[in-house]
């Protein structure tokens, strides 16, 4: 029984070592590929956005009809909330 347990532990450690080694190689390969891609295919510089002019002031205030409608709507809303 002890020989079987010893063989099982050896096989487990060998498998874990193989997986660990493979993951380390995979990390280095991925890092190397990233560096190669960045070197040969650099990311283009983003174009500066065109400055946006502020909207022109039309010079007028709020339309009196619109103001009256808004006031009526606010009063109606407040009366329903009570």
Protein backbone atom coordinates (compact mmCIF):
# COMPACT_ATOMS: atom_id res chain seq x y z
CA UNK A 1 0.00 0.00 0.00
CA UNK A 2 2.83 2.40 0.84
CA UNK A 3 4.44 1.79 -2.54
CA UNK A 4 1.17 2.68 -4.29
CA UNK A 5 0.83 5.87 -2.22
CA UNK A 6 4.43 6.83 -2.97
CA UNK A 7 3.87 6.29 -6.68
CA UNK A 8 0.67 8.38 -6.55
CA UNK A 9 2.42 11.28 -4.81
CA UNK A 10 5.28 11.13 -7.30
CA UNK A 11 2.86 11.19 -10.21
CA UNK A 12 0.92 14.09 -8.65
CA UNK A 13 4.07 16.17 -8.12
CA UNK A 14 5.27 15.39 -11.63
CA UNK A 15 1.92 16.48 -13.08
CA UNK A 16 1.82 19.66 -11.01
CA UNK A 17 5.39 20.48 -12.03
CA UNK A 18 4.56 19.97 -15.69
CA UNK A 19 1.48 22.22 -15.47
CA UNK A 20 3.42 24.91 -13.59
CA UNK A 21 6.22 24.81 -16.17
CA UNK A 22 3.74 25.03 -19.03
CA UNK A 23 2.02 28.05 -17.45
CA UNK A 24 5.35 29.84 -16.94
CA UNK A 25 6.28 29.23 -20.59
CA UNK A 26 2.82 30.44 -21.64
CA UNK A 27 3.23 33.67 -19.66
CA UNK A 28 6.61 34.40 -21.25
CA UNK A 29 5.31 33.58 -24.73
CA UNK A 30 2.30 35.89 -24.28
CA UNK A 31 4.52 38.71 -22.99
CA UNK A 32 6.90 38.29 -25.93
CA UNK A 33 4.03 38.29 -28.44
CA UNK A 34 2.63 41.48 -26.91
CA UNK A 35 5.99 43.22 -27.23
CA UNK A 36 6.36 42.10 -30.86
CA UNK A 37 2.87 43.30 -31.78
CA UNK A 38 3.43 46.69 -30.13
CA UNK A 39 6.79 47.06 -31.88
CA UNK A 40 5.57 46.25 -35.40
CA UNK A 41 1.99 47.57 -35.16
CA UNK A 42 2.03 50.67 -32.94
CA UNK A 43 -1.28 52.21 -32.00
CA UNK A 44 -1.98 55.33 -34.08
CA UNK A 45 -2.10 58.65 -32.29
CA UNK A 46 -5.69 59.71 -31.67
CA UNK A 47 -6.74 62.71 -33.73
CA UNK A 48 -7.39 65.83 -31.69
CA UNK A 49 -11.08 66.67 -31.67
CA UNK A 50 -12.03 69.83 -33.50
CA UNK A 51 -12.86 72.68 -31.14
CA UNK A 52 -16.58 73.14 -30.78
CA UNK A 53 -17.87 76.69 -30.92
CA UNK A 54 -20.31 77.59 -28.16
CA UNK A 55 -23.88 77.97 -29.34
CA UNK A 56 -24.74 81.46 -30.46
CA UNK A 57 -27.02 83.40 -28.15
CA UNK A 58 -30.25 84.12 -29.99
CA UNK A 59 -30.79 87.20 -27.85
CA UNK A 60 -34.34 86.29 -26.90
CA UNK A 61 -35.61 84.92 -23.64
CA UNK A 62 -38.18 82.21 -23.17
CA UNK A 63 -41.32 82.44 -25.28
CA UNK A 64 -44.15 83.85 -23.08
CA UNK A 65 -46.59 81.16 -24.27
CA UNK A 66 -44.11 78.43 -23.37
CA UNK A 67 -43.51 80.02 -19.97
CA UNK A 68 -47.25 80.08 -19.27
CA UNK A 69 -47.61 76.42 -20.26
CA UNK A 70 -44.68 75.42 -18.05
CA UNK A 71 -46.09 77.32 -15.06
CA UNK A 72 -49.47 75.66 -15.51
CA UNK A 73 -47.87 72.21 -15.75
CA UNK A 74 -45.83 72.77 -12.58
CA UNK A 75 -48.91 74.00 -10.68
CA UNK A 76 -50.93 70.98 -11.86
CA UNK A 77 -48.16 68.60 -10.82
CA UNK A 78 -47.83 70.20 -7.39
CA UNK A 79 -51.58 70.15 -6.80
CA UNK A 80 -51.70 66.40 -7.59
CA UNK A 81 -48.77 65.66 -5.25
CA UNK A 82 -50.56 67.03 -2.17
